Amino acid sequence: MRPNDRTLIDNVEDYLTHKGITTTLIDDVKENLRRDIQKSEKQGVDYIEYRQKSTAEIILTIQKNLFTLQFNPVVFFIINFILISYLYDKQLVPFGAATGLSILYIIVLLPISVIIYSRIMRKSYLYQNRLESYIGVLLAVIALILIAMNTFDITLGIHIVTTYTHMIIALFGLFFTFWGLYRKRLEYTGVGLLLVQKTIDILIRDPQAAQLISIAIWIMILVLIIFYTIELSSKKQG
């Protein structure tokens, strides 16, 4: 490794340590930087020259991406939590029906938000996520529009989607729940639990049992939110 590249890694480490970033994240950033430095080594130039950026600009990009990676899960969870809670009418589920707004959310907004969230979480610390950020802002604006439409009872009608559709959504909810637990992505678990709660009447035919399980799921979601808040606070302080 070239001397200037070693100095860059040391400067990045010193800055992040000064900012109180956890050791695990610092090691992750350094490993990310080492892998990217290999590109400049193949061309026989310093990494700063290869990127055509100063040390300060590289560090600033890393800091912005760390902030994005830390709060992106929160934004993903909040947007989808509000939209599912507000748009997905639980009373229509037993009749195999859904509002046009909830169909629009399930078919368009939820998949796009998952894709954008996944892309941002896989992005390098060293490059800006401009496209994903712009699309994320656009999704947030669309979410506000949908909420406003629902508030004024503009639901785009009620449509028959069959109970099988709600059952598929329930299965997706279960998948998100267990996949989130396995990958330690609590935001996925929270969204999955809420989808299951909304469609529980399809999975459990006994109304009383379904109601009890629905309450239990809300308690689990509440515990999850508290645990997630504590974990996020510890990351910020660490």
C-alpha atoms as a PDB file:
ATOM      1  CA  MET A   1       0.000   0.000   0.000  1.00  0.00           C
ATOM      2  CA  ARG A   2       1.261   3.475  -0.882  1.00  0.00           C
ATOM      3  CA  PRO A   3       2.325   5.738   2.049  1.00  0.00           C
ATOM      4  CA  ASN A   4      -0.292   8.406   1.265  1.00  0.00           C
ATOM      5  CA  ASP A   5      -3.013   5.752   1.237  1.00  0.00           C
ATOM      6  CA  ARG A   6      -1.937   4.519   4.680  1.00  0.00           C
ATOM      7  CA  THR A   7      -2.054   8.103   5.911  1.00  0.00           C
ATOM      8  CA  LEU A   8      -5.571   8.458   4.492  1.00  0.00           C
ATOM      9  CA  ILE A   9      -6.762   5.348   6.348  1.00  0.00           C
ATOM     10  CA  ASP A  10      -5.179   6.631   9.579  1.00  0.00           C
ATOM     11  CA  ASN A  11      -6.837  10.044   9.132  1.00  0.00           C
ATOM     12  CA  VAL A  12     -10.222   8.428   8.531  1.00  0.00           C
ATOM     13  CA  GLU A  13      -9.817   6.242  11.619  1.00  0.00           C
ATOM     14  CA  ASP A  14      -8.745   9.197  13.796  1.00  0.00           C
ATOM     15  CA  TYR A  15     -11.681  11.318  12.626  1.00  0.00           C
ATOM     16  CA  LEU A  16     -14.290   8.603  13.163  1.00  0.00           C
ATOM     17  CA  THR A  17     -12.818   7.754  16.573  1.00  0.00           C
ATOM     18  CA  HIS A  18     -13.014  11.439  17.520  1.00  0.00           C
ATOM     19  CA  LYS A  19     -16.670  11.465  16.417  1.00  0.00           C
ATOM     20  CA  GLY A  20     -17.450   8.528  18.720  1.00  0.00           C
ATOM     21  CA  ILE A  21     -18.201   5.993  15.984  1.00  0.00           C
ATOM     22  CA  THR A  22     -18.170   2.399  17.221  1.00  0.00           C
ATOM     23  CA  THR A  23     -15.067   0.282  16.650  1.00  0.00           C
ATOM     24  CA  THR A  24     -17.057  -2.208  14.578  1.00  0.00           C
ATOM     25  CA  LEU A  25     -18.208   0.492  12.158  1.00  0.00           C
ATOM     26  CA  ILE A  26     -14.718   2.000  11.956  1.00  0.00           C
ATOM     27  CA  ASP A  27     -13.236  -1.394  11.071  1.00  0.00           C
ATOM     28  CA  ASP A  28     -15.960  -1.852   8.456  1.00  0.00           C
ATOM     29  CA  VAL A  29     -15.177   1.544   6.893  1.00  0.00           C
ATOM     30  CA  LYS A  30     -11.429   0.828   6.887  1.00  0.00           C
ATOM     31  CA  GLU A  31     -11.961  -2.534   5.192  1.00  0.00           C
ATOM     32  CA  ASN A  32     -14.229  -0.854   2.651  1.00  0.00           C
ATOM     33  CA  LEU A  33     -11.541   1.757   2.018  1.00  0.00           C
ATOM     34  CA  ARG A  34      -8.760  -0.821   1.683  1.00  0.00           C
ATOM     35  CA  ARG A  35     -10.741  -2.724  -0.943  1.00  0.00           C
ATOM     36  CA  ASP A  36     -11.405   0.454  -2.921  1.00  0.00           C
ATOM     37  CA  ILE A  37      -7.759   1.540  -2.690  1.00  0.00           C
ATOM     38  CA  GLN A  38      -6.868  -1.553  -4.712  1.00  0.00           C
ATOM     39  CA  LYS A  39      -8.432   0.181  -7.733  1.00  0.00           C
ATOM     40  CA  SER A  40      -5.984   3.094  -7.491  1.00  0.00           C
ATOM     41  CA  GLU A  41      -3.049   0.748  -6.836  1.00  0.00           C
ATOM     42  CA  LYS A  42      -3.707  -0.999 -10.145  1.00  0.00           C
ATOM     43  CA  GLN A  43      -3.292   2.377 -11.848  1.00  0.00           C
ATOM     44  CA  GLY A  44      -0.191   3.230  -9.805  1.00  0.00           C
ATOM     45  CA  VAL A  45      -1.614   6.416  -8.249  1.00  0.00           C
ATOM     46  CA  ASP A  46      -2.639   7.576  -4.794  1.00  0.00           C
ATOM     47  CA  TYR A  47      -6.277   6.992  -3.879  1.00  0.00           C
ATOM     48  CA  ILE A  48      -6.933  10.732  -3.504  1.00  0.00           C
ATOM     49  CA  GLU A  49      -5.630  11.307  -7.024  1.00  0.00           C
ATOM     50  CA  TYR A  50      -7.680   8.361  -8.303  1.00  0.00           C
ATOM     51  CA  ARG A  51     -10.878   9.731  -6.767  1.00  0.00           C
ATOM     52  CA  GLN A  52      -9.947  13.347  -7.577  1.00  0.00           C
ATOM     53  CA  LYS A  53     -11.071  14.321  -4.101  1.00  0.00           C
ATOM     54  CA  SER A  54      -9.312  15.718  -1.054  1.00  0.00           C
ATOM     55  CA  THR A  55      -8.997  13.809   2.210  1.00  0.00           C
ATOM     56  CA  ALA A  56     -11.609  16.119   3.747  1.00  0.00           C
ATOM     57  CA  GLU A  57     -14.093  15.400   0.933  1.00  0.00           C
ATOM     58  CA  ILE A  58     -13.645  11.643   1.302  1.00  0.00           C
ATOM     59  CA  ILE A  59     -14.119  11.839   5.076  1.00  0.00           C
ATOM     60  CA  LEU A  60     -17.218  14.033   4.638  1.00  0.00           C
ATOM     61  CA  THR A  61     -18.731  11.500   2.217  1.00  0.00           C
ATOM     62  CA  ILE A  62     -18.042   8.688   4.694  1.00  0.00           C
ATOM     63  CA  GLN A  63     -19.659  10.683   7.509  1.00  0.00           C
ATOM     64  CA  LYS A  64     -22.793  11.381   5.429  1.00  0.00           C
ATOM     65  CA  ASN A  65     -23.098   7.728   4.432  1.00  0.00           C
ATOM     66  CA  LEU A  66     -22.701   6.573   8.032  1.00  0.00           C
ATOM     67  CA  PHE A  67     -25.543   8.908   9.009  1.00  0.00           C
ATOM     68  CA  THR A  68     -27.680   7.586   6.138  1.00  0.00           C
ATOM     69  CA  LEU A  69     -26.960   3.952   6.981  1.00  0.00           C
ATOM     70  CA  GLN A  70     -27.790   4.588  10.629  1.00  0.00           C
ATOM     71  CA  PHE A  71     -31.124   6.335  10.072  1.00  0.00           C
ATOM     72  CA  ASN A  72     -32.284   4.727   6.828  1.00  0.00           C
ATOM     73  CA  PRO A  73     -33.750   1.720   8.733  1.00  0.00           C
ATOM     74  CA  VAL A  74     -35.698   4.126  10.950  1.00  0.00           C
ATOM     75  CA  VAL A  75     -37.120   6.018   7.963  1.00  0.00           C
ATOM     76  CA  PHE A  76     -37.954   2.746   6.178  1.00  0.00           C
ATOM     77  CA  PHE A  77     -39.801   1.429   9.226  1.00  0.00           C
ATOM     78  CA  ILE A  78     -41.677   4.651  10.032  1.00  0.00           C
ATOM     79  CA  ILE A  79     -42.924   5.221   6.459  1.00  0.00           C
ATOM     80  CA  ASN A  80     -44.113   1.648   5.978  1.00  0.00           C
ATOM     81  CA  PHE A  81     -45.506   1.389   9.515  1.00  0.00           C
ATOM     82  CA  ILE A  82     -47.637   4.509   9.037  1.00  0.00           C
ATOM     83  CA  LEU A  83     -48.811   3.501   5.563  1.00  0.00           C
ATOM     84  CA  ILE A  84     -49.762  -0.048   6.570  1.00  0.00           C
ATOM     85  CA  SER A  85     -51.514   1.174   9.718  1.00  0.00           C
ATOM     86  CA  TYR A  86     -53.360   3.944   7.905  1.00  0.00           C
ATOM     87  CA  LEU A  87     -54.151   2.465   4.484  1.00  0.00           C
ATOM     88  CA  TYR A  88     -54.639  -1.266   5.072  1.00  0.00           C
ATOM     89  CA  ASP A  89     -58.260  -1.589   6.213  1.00  0.00           C
ATOM     90  CA  LYS A  90     -58.427  -4.647   8.481  1.00  0.00           C
ATOM     91  CA  GLN A  91     -62.236  -4.727   8.351  1.00  0.00           C
ATOM     92  CA  LEU A  92     -62.205  -5.479   4.611  1.00  0.00           C
ATOM     93  CA  VAL A  93     -59.882  -8.483   4.931  1.00  0.00           C
ATOM     94  CA  PRO A  94     -62.531 -11.137   5.807  1.00  0.00           C
ATOM     95  CA  PHE A  95     -64.515 -10.080   2.718  1.00  0.00           C
ATOM     96  CA  GLY A  96     -61.531 -10.446   0.394  1.00  0.00           C
ATOM     97  CA  ALA A  97     -61.638  -6.735  -0.411  1.00  0.00           C
ATOM     98  CA  ALA A  98     -59.212  -3.817  -0.213  1.00  0.00           C
ATOM     99  CA  THR A  99     -59.164  -0.101  -0.950  1.00  0.00           C
ATOM    100  CA  GLY A 100     -57.482   1.205  -4.071  1.00  0.00           C
ATOM    101  CA  LEU A 101     -54.946   3.083  -1.933  1.00  0.00           C
ATOM    102  CA  SER A 102     -53.888  -0.047  -0.056  1.00  0.00           C
ATOM    103  CA  ILE A 103     -53.543  -1.953  -3.348  1.00  0.00           C
ATOM    104  CA  LEU A 104     -51.381   0.872  -4.726  1.00  0.00           C
ATOM    105  CA  TYR A 105     -49.212   0.738  -1.619  1.00  0.00           C
ATOM    106  CA  ILE A 106     -48.781  -3.057  -1.615  1.00  0.00           C
ATOM    107  CA  ILE A 107     -48.084  -3.337  -5.351  1.00  0.00           C
ATOM    108  CA  VAL A 108     -45.966  -0.205  -5.885  1.00  0.00           C
ATOM    109  CA  LEU A 109     -44.724   1.621  -2.794  1.00  0.00           C
ATOM    110  CA  LEU A 110     -43.789  -1.297  -0.535  1.00  0.00           C
ATOM    111  CA  PRO A 111     -41.673  -3.151  -3.149  1.00  0.00           C
ATOM    112  CA  ILE A 112     -39.922   0.068  -4.239  1.00  0.00           C
ATOM    113  CA  SER A 113     -39.167   1.051  -0.636  1.00  0.00           C
ATOM    114  CA  VAL A 114     -37.699  -2.413   0.036  1.00  0.00           C
ATOM    115  CA  ILE A 115     -35.530  -2.213  -3.103  1.00  0.00           C
ATOM    116  CA  ILE A 116     -34.274   1.301  -2.328  1.00  0.00           C
ATOM    117  CA  TYR A 117     -33.636   0.404   1.306  1.00  0.00           C
ATOM    118  CA  SER A 118     -31.690  -2.715   0.297  1.00  0.00           C
ATOM    119  CA  ARG A 119     -29.612  -0.782  -2.249  1.00  0.00           C
ATOM    120  CA  ILE A 120     -28.657   1.895   0.274  1.00  0.00           C
ATOM    121  CA  MET A 121     -27.708  -0.699   2.899  1.00  0.00           C
ATOM    122  CA  ARG A 122     -25.456  -2.453   0.351  1.00  0.00           C
ATOM    123  CA  LYS A 123     -23.815   0.748  -0.864  1.00  0.00           C
ATOM    124  CA  SER A 124     -20.179   1.579  -0.184  1.00  0.00           C
ATOM    125  CA  TYR A 125     -19.349   4.103   2.538  1.00  0.00           C
ATOM    126  CA  LEU A 126     -17.160   5.900   0.005  1.00  0.00           C
ATOM    127  CA  TYR A 127     -19.638   6.987  -2.675  1.00  0.00           C
ATOM    128  CA  GLN A 128     -22.723   9.162  -2.463  1.00  0.00           C
ATOM    129  CA  ASN A 129     -26.168   7.545  -2.699  1.00  0.00           C
ATOM    130  CA  ARG A 130     -27.736  10.397  -4.658  1.00  0.00           C
ATOM    131  CA  LEU A 131     -30.153   8.431  -6.823  1.00  0.00           C
ATOM    132  CA  GLU A 132     -31.436   6.380  -3.892  1.00  0.00           C
ATOM    133  CA  SER A 133     -31.767   9.513  -1.753  1.00  0.00           C
ATOM    134  CA  TYR A 134     -33.827  11.316  -4.418  1.00  0.00           C
ATOM    135  CA  ILE A 135     -36.101   8.302  -4.885  1.00  0.00           C
ATOM    136  CA  GLY A 136     -36.427   8.018  -1.098  1.00  0.00           C
ATOM    137  CA  VAL A 137     -37.565  11.648  -0.861  1.00  0.00           C
ATOM    138  CA  LEU A 138     -40.021  11.052  -3.723  1.00  0.00           C
ATOM    139  CA  LEU A 139     -41.442   8.014  -1.896  1.00  0.00           C
ATOM    140  CA  ALA A 140     -41.870  10.076   1.272  1.00  0.00           C
ATOM    141  CA  VAL A 141     -43.773  12.742  -0.692  1.00  0.00           C
ATOM    142  CA  ILE A 142     -46.001  10.095  -2.314  1.00  0.00           C
ATOM    143  CA  ALA A 143     -46.621   8.576   1.123  1.00  0.00           C
ATOM    144  CA  LEU A 144     -47.791  11.961   2.435  1.00  0.00           C
ATOM    145  CA  ILE A 145     -50.092  12.343  -0.578  1.00  0.00           C
ATOM    146  CA  LEU A 146     -51.624   8.902   0.020  1.00  0.00           C
ATOM    147  CA  ILE A 147     -52.169   9.695   3.699  1.00  0.00           C
ATOM    148  CA  ALA A 148     -53.822  13.009   2.778  1.00  0.00           C
ATOM    149  CA  MET A 149     -56.055  11.248   0.233  1.00  0.00           C
ATOM    150  CA  ASN A 150     -57.097   8.676   2.828  1.00  0.00           C
ATOM    151  CA  THR A 151     -57.792  11.449   5.338  1.00  0.00           C
ATOM    152  CA  PHE A 152     -60.261  13.038   2.905  1.00  0.00           C
ATOM    153  CA  ASP A 153     -61.780   9.615   2.160  1.00  0.00           C
ATOM    154  CA  ILE A 154     -60.304   9.446  -1.336  1.00  0.00           C
ATOM    155  CA  THR A 155     -59.576   5.717  -1.210  1.00  0.00           C
ATOM    156  CA  LEU A 156     -59.805   5.026  -4.975  1.00  0.00           C
ATOM    157  CA  GLY A 157     -62.725   2.709  -4.330  1.00  0.00           C
ATOM    158  CA  ILE A 158     -63.109  -0.714  -2.746  1.00  0.00           C
ATOM    159  CA  HIS A 159     -62.055  -3.663  -4.889  1.00  0.00           C
ATOM    160  CA  ILE A 160     -62.452  -7.429  -4.582  1.00  0.00           C
ATOM    161  CA  VAL A 161     -58.990  -9.018  -4.356  1.00  0.00           C
ATOM    162  CA  THR A 162     -60.082 -12.397  -2.863  1.00  0.00           C
ATOM    163  CA  THR A 163     -59.040 -13.789   0.492  1.00  0.00           C
ATOM    164  CA  TYR A 164     -56.156 -15.605  -1.198  1.00  0.00           C
ATOM    165  CA  THR A 165     -54.488 -12.268  -1.900  1.00  0.00           C
ATOM    166  CA  HIS A 166     -54.668 -11.318   1.771  1.00  0.00           C
ATOM    167  CA  MET A 167     -53.303 -14.768   2.622  1.00  0.00           C
ATOM    168  CA  ILE A 168     -50.318 -14.186   0.324  1.00  0.00           C
ATOM    169  CA  ILE A 169     -49.694 -10.847   2.037  1.00  0.00           C
ATOM    170  CA  ALA A 170     -49.898 -12.607   5.408  1.00  0.00           C
ATOM    171  CA  LEU A 171     -47.273 -15.104   4.212  1.00  0.00           C
ATOM    172  CA  PHE A 172     -45.074 -12.233   3.058  1.00  0.00           C
ATOM    173  CA  GLY A 173     -45.533 -10.719   6.513  1.00  0.00           C
ATOM    174  CA  LEU A 174     -44.389 -13.954   8.145  1.00  0.00           C
ATOM    175  CA  PHE A 175     -41.416 -14.105   5.776  1.00  0.00           C
ATOM    176  CA  PHE A 176     -40.413 -10.511   6.599  1.00  0.00           C
ATOM    177  CA  THR A 177     -40.788 -11.244  10.312  1.00  0.00           C
ATOM    178  CA  PHE A 178     -38.560 -14.314  10.404  1.00  0.00           C
ATOM    179  CA  TRP A 179     -36.107 -13.036   7.794  1.00  0.00           C
ATOM    180  CA  GLY A 180     -35.702  -9.805   9.793  1.00  0.00           C
ATOM    181  CA  LEU A 181     -35.007 -11.787  12.960  1.00  0.00           C
ATOM    182  CA  TYR A 182     -32.518 -14.022  11.144  1.00  0.00           C
ATOM    183  CA  ARG A 183     -30.674 -11.082   9.551  1.00  0.00           C
ATOM    184  CA  LYS A 184     -31.055  -8.918  12.671  1.00  0.00           C
ATOM    185  CA  ARG A 185     -33.017  -6.338  10.664  1.00  0.00           C
ATOM    186  CA  LEU A 186     -35.683  -5.392  13.176  1.00  0.00           C
ATOM    187  CA  GLU A 187     -37.252  -2.902  10.769  1.00  0.00           C
ATOM    188  CA  TYR A 188     -38.242  -5.798   8.489  1.00  0.00           C
ATOM    189  CA  THR A 189     -39.551  -7.720  11.490  1.00  0.00           C
ATOM    190  CA  GLY A 190     -41.709  -4.758  12.519  1.00  0.00           C
ATOM    191  CA  VAL A 191     -43.198  -4.343   9.044  1.00  0.00           C
ATOM    192  CA  GLY A 192     -43.767  -8.103   8.795  1.00  0.00           C
ATOM    193  CA  LEU A 193     -45.537  -8.270  12.153  1.00  0.00           C
ATOM    194  CA  LEU A 194     -47.838  -5.422  11.157  1.00  0.00           C
ATOM    195  CA  LEU A 195     -48.751  -7.148   7.880  1.00  0.00           C
ATOM    196  CA  VAL A 196     -49.570 -10.304   9.855  1.00  0.00           C
ATOM    197  CA  GLN A 197     -51.644  -8.281  12.328  1.00  0.00           C
ATOM    198  CA  LYS A 198     -53.655  -6.735   9.494  1.00  0.00           C
ATOM    199  CA  THR A 199     -54.367 -10.126   7.880  1.00  0.00           C
ATOM    200  CA  ILE A 200     -54.706 -12.276  11.008  1.00  0.00           C
ATOM    201  CA  ASP A 201     -58.424 -12.850  10.340  1.00  0.00           C
ATOM    202  CA  ILE A 202     -57.454 -14.823   7.229  1.00  0.00           C
ATOM    203  CA  LEU A 203     -54.968 -17.010   9.089  1.00  0.00           C
ATOM    204  CA  ILE A 204     -57.120 -17.565  12.198  1.00  0.00           C
ATOM    205  CA  ARG A 205     -60.818 -18.191  11.576  1.00  0.00           C
ATOM    206  CA  ASP A 206     -61.868 -18.040  15.235  1.00  0.00           C
ATOM    207  CA  PRO A 207     -62.672 -14.319  15.830  1.00  0.00           C
ATOM    208  CA  GLN A 208     -61.828 -14.413  19.546  1.00  0.00           C
ATOM    209  CA  ALA A 209     -58.515 -16.184  18.980  1.00  0.00           C
ATOM    210  CA  ALA A 210     -57.683 -13.805  16.123  1.00  0.00           C
ATOM    211  CA  GLN A 211     -58.368 -10.816  18.372  1.00  0.00           C
ATOM    212  CA  LEU A 212     -56.115 -12.168  21.136  1.00  0.00           C
ATOM    213  CA  ILE A 213     -53.304 -12.875  18.671  1.00  0.00           C
ATOM    214  CA  SER A 214     -53.766  -9.409  17.167  1.00  0.00           C
ATOM    215  CA  ILE A 215     -53.313  -7.841  20.613  1.00  0.00           C
ATOM    216  CA  ALA A 216     -50.263 -10.043  21.229  1.00  0.00           C
ATOM    217  CA  ILE A 217     -48.739  -8.885  17.929  1.00  0.00           C
ATOM    218  CA  TRP A 218     -49.262  -5.226  18.888  1.00  0.00           C
ATOM    219  CA  ILE A 219     -47.478  -5.901  22.176  1.00  0.00           C
ATOM    220  CA  MET A 220     -44.597  -7.533  20.265  1.00  0.00           C
ATOM    221  CA  ILE A 221     -44.421  -4.528  17.939  1.00  0.00           C
ATOM    222  CA  LEU A 222     -44.328  -2.176  20.937  1.00  0.00           C
ATOM    223  CA  VAL A 223     -41.532  -4.203  22.559  1.00  0.00           C
ATOM    224  CA  LEU A 224     -39.707  -4.239  19.228  1.00  0.00           C
ATOM    225  CA  ILE A 225     -39.934  -0.441  18.916  1.00  0.00           C
ATOM    226  CA  ILE A 226     -38.633   0.042  22.474  1.00  0.00           C
ATOM    227  CA  PHE A 227     -35.772  -2.407  21.907  1.00  0.00           C
ATOM    228  CA  TYR A 228     -34.928  -0.814  18.555  1.00  0.00           C
ATOM    229  CA  THR A 229     -34.908   2.676  20.104  1.00  0.00           C
ATOM    230  CA  ILE A 230     -32.535   1.525  22.852  1.00  0.00           C
ATOM    231  CA  GLU A 231     -30.262  -0.150  20.289  1.00  0.00           C
ATOM    232  CA  LEU A 232     -30.193   2.963  18.107  1.00  0.00           C
ATOM    233  CA  SER A 233     -29.397   5.172  21.112  1.00  0.00           C
ATOM    234  CA  SER A 234     -26.524   2.893  22.122  1.00  0.00           C
ATOM    235  CA  LYS A 235     -25.098   3.106  18.579  1.00  0.00           C
ATOM    236  CA  LYS A 236     -25.227   6.899  18.669  1.00  0.00           C
ATOM    237  CA  GLN A 237     -23.543   7.023  22.064  1.00  0.00           C
ATOM    238  CA  GLY A 238     -21.032   4.297  21.153  1.00  0.00           C
END
